[in-house]
Amino acid sequence: MAKIIKIIQDEVVIAMDNQELITVYKSSLDFNPKVQDIVEVYHYKGEYIVNLSVQPSRGSSHTNNTYTTINQNVVGGRMVNKLVYILLAFLVGGVGGQFFYAHNYGAGIFCVLFCWTGIPAIIGLVQGIMAIGKEEVQPGMIIV
């Protein structure tokens, strides 16, 4: 298990079991991180998946140091519904709809500003095709 050791503004520093330190963005977590929180960290296709874990209470039937996952969050990307993302990329990719859905507002605004060139529409088409081939990390969910 890894442990959150420091929180600096929008960055969270996590100490891994092998003493390696990784830094992730607080905004990419779906839980409110606190120093000393125990987390599970997985490396998947160049991105980190962070699960907040809680230790069972002393009165529970668990006697060993097992942890229960209560949230799954993606660091370095965002978990989105695959079908919705594909439809947005194909239907409104010319104005960056898929970017806004994935909370990538900078790229979405870029697409809106340059929609008259047709380049964002091509990008949307390519992203829709790439999303079709992406492996699901949960049923119906992909990381973008």
Protein backbone atom coordinates (compact mmCIF):
# COMPACT_ATOMS: atom_id res chain seq x y z
CA MET A 1 0.00 0.00 0.00
CA ALA A 2 1.11 3.56 -0.69
CA LYS A 3 0.60 6.57 1.56
CA ILE A 4 -0.09 10.25 0.90
CA ILE A 5 2.76 12.11 2.57
CA LYS A 6 2.34 15.70 1.43
CA ILE A 7 -0.22 17.96 -0.21
CA ILE A 8 1.05 21.14 -1.89
CA GLN A 9 -1.69 23.34 -3.40
CA ASP A 10 -3.03 21.16 -6.27
CA GLU A 11 -0.40 18.40 -6.06
CA VAL A 12 -0.44 15.27 -3.93
CA VAL A 13 2.82 13.45 -3.14
CA ILE A 14 2.46 9.68 -2.65
CA ALA A 15 5.14 7.43 -1.17
CA MET A 16 5.10 4.01 -2.83
CA ASP A 17 6.04 0.76 -1.09
CA ASN A 18 9.41 0.76 -2.86
CA GLN A 19 10.21 4.23 -1.41
CA GLU A 20 9.58 5.90 -4.80
CA LEU A 21 7.69 9.20 -4.67
CA ILE A 22 5.09 10.10 -7.27
CA THR A 23 3.19 13.36 -7.68
CA VAL A 24 -0.39 13.50 -8.93
CA TYR A 25 -2.85 16.35 -9.39
CA LYS A 26 -5.41 16.77 -6.62
CA SER A 27 -8.02 17.86 -9.17
CA SER A 28 -7.89 14.44 -10.86
CA LEU A 29 -8.97 12.66 -7.67
CA ASP A 30 -12.64 12.06 -6.85
CA PHE A 31 -11.94 12.05 -3.13
CA ASN A 32 -10.54 14.68 -0.79
CA PRO A 33 -6.98 13.50 -0.11
CA LYS A 34 -5.50 13.89 3.34
CA VAL A 35 -1.95 13.36 4.58
CA GLN A 36 -1.55 9.79 5.92
CA ASP A 37 -4.36 8.40 3.69
CA ILE A 38 -3.60 4.88 2.52
CA VAL A 39 -4.01 4.47 -1.23
CA GLU A 40 -3.55 1.81 -3.87
CA VAL A 41 -1.66 3.01 -6.95
CA TYR A 42 -1.70 1.13 -10.25
CA HIS A 43 0.24 2.00 -13.37
CA TYR A 44 -1.87 1.42 -16.49
CA LYS A 45 -0.71 2.42 -19.99
CA GLY A 46 1.44 5.29 -18.76
CA GLU A 47 -1.15 6.62 -16.33
CA TYR A 48 -1.76 6.14 -12.63
CA ILE A 49 -5.00 4.81 -11.18
CA VAL A 50 -5.37 5.71 -7.52
CA ASN A 51 -7.78 4.01 -5.12
CA LEU A 52 -8.46 5.44 -1.69
CA SER A 53 -8.45 2.62 0.84
CA VAL A 54 -9.68 2.46 4.40
CA GLN A 55 -8.48 0.17 7.14
CA PRO A 56 -11.25 -1.92 8.72
CA SER A 57 -12.43 -0.71 12.11
CA ARG A 58 -11.14 -2.48 15.20
CA GLY A 59 -14.54 -4.01 15.88
CA SER A 60 -14.81 -5.58 12.42
CA SER A 61 -14.39 -9.25 11.73
CA HIS A 62 -11.16 -8.63 9.78
CA THR A 63 -8.10 -9.28 11.91
CA ASN A 64 -5.39 -8.81 9.32
CA ASN A 65 -4.30 -5.52 7.73
CA THR A 66 -6.56 -5.72 4.70
CA TYR A 67 -7.96 -2.64 3.04
CA THR A 68 -11.22 -2.04 1.22
CA THR A 69 -11.34 0.07 -1.93
CA ILE A 70 -13.91 2.84 -1.71
CA ASN A 71 -13.12 5.03 -4.73
CA GLN A 72 -11.34 4.61 -8.05
CA ASN A 73 -9.75 7.66 -9.58
CA VAL A 74 -7.58 8.23 -12.59
CA VAL A 75 -4.47 10.36 -12.50
CA GLY A 76 -3.04 11.61 -15.77
CA GLY A 77 -6.34 11.06 -17.51
CA ARG A 78 -10.03 10.87 -16.78
CA MET A 79 -12.36 7.92 -16.74
CA VAL A 80 -15.33 8.54 -19.04
CA ASN A 81 -18.21 6.57 -20.51
CA LYS A 82 -16.93 5.05 -23.74
CA LEU A 83 -20.16 5.33 -25.74
CA VAL A 84 -20.81 8.94 -24.73
CA TYR A 85 -17.22 9.94 -25.56
CA ILE A 86 -17.38 8.27 -28.99
CA LEU A 87 -20.72 9.88 -29.84
CA LEU A 88 -19.49 13.32 -28.77
CA ALA A 89 -16.28 12.91 -30.76
CA PHE A 90 -18.20 12.01 -33.94
CA LEU A 91 -21.15 14.38 -33.56
CA VAL A 92 -19.67 17.52 -31.99
CA GLY A 93 -15.93 16.87 -32.31
CA GLY A 94 -15.65 19.92 -34.56
CA VAL A 95 -16.22 22.16 -31.55
CA GLY A 96 -14.43 19.95 -29.00
CA GLY A 97 -17.44 18.31 -27.34
CA GLN A 98 -15.43 15.25 -26.31
CA PHE A 99 -12.79 17.45 -24.67
CA PHE A 100 -15.34 19.33 -22.58
CA TYR A 101 -16.90 15.99 -21.54
CA ALA A 102 -13.47 14.73 -20.41
CA HIS A 103 -12.87 18.01 -18.48
CA ASN A 104 -10.03 18.99 -20.82
CA TYR A 105 -11.24 22.57 -21.14
CA GLY A 106 -8.08 23.99 -22.73
CA ALA A 107 -8.31 21.66 -25.71
CA GLY A 108 -12.06 22.25 -25.91
CA ILE A 109 -11.62 26.02 -26.09
CA PHE A 110 -8.88 25.55 -28.72
CA CYS A 111 -11.34 23.53 -30.82
CA VAL A 112 -14.04 26.19 -30.50
CA LEU A 113 -11.63 28.94 -31.54
CA PHE A 114 -10.39 27.02 -34.59
CA CYS A 115 -13.58 25.18 -35.58
CA TRP A 116 -13.76 27.24 -38.78
CA THR A 117 -10.59 25.52 -40.08
CA GLY A 118 -12.07 22.01 -39.94
CA ILE A 119 -9.03 20.69 -38.10
CA PRO A 120 -10.94 20.06 -34.84
CA ALA A 121 -13.48 18.00 -36.82
CA ILE A 122 -10.66 15.80 -38.10
CA ILE A 123 -9.26 15.52 -34.58
CA GLY A 124 -12.72 14.55 -33.31
CA LEU A 125 -13.04 11.86 -35.98
CA VAL A 126 -9.61 10.44 -35.13
CA GLN A 127 -10.34 10.49 -31.39
CA GLY A 128 -13.68 8.75 -31.93
CA ILE A 129 -11.98 5.98 -33.91
CA MET A 130 -9.21 5.66 -31.31
CA ALA A 131 -11.79 5.48 -28.49
CA ILE A 132 -13.52 2.57 -30.23
CA GLY A 133 -10.32 0.54 -29.91
CA LYS A 134 -9.54 1.55 -26.32
CA GLU A 135 -9.64 -1.16 -23.68
CA GLU A 136 -12.27 -0.66 -21.00
CA VAL A 137 -10.91 -0.33 -17.46
CA GLN A 138 -14.39 -0.87 -16.03
CA PRO A 139 -17.49 -2.00 -17.90
CA GLY A 140 -18.31 0.81 -20.33
CA MET A 141 -15.55 3.13 -19.07
CA ILE A 142 -12.27 4.18 -20.72
CA ILE A 143 -9.41 6.47 -19.73
CA VAL A 144 -8.85 9.52 -21.93
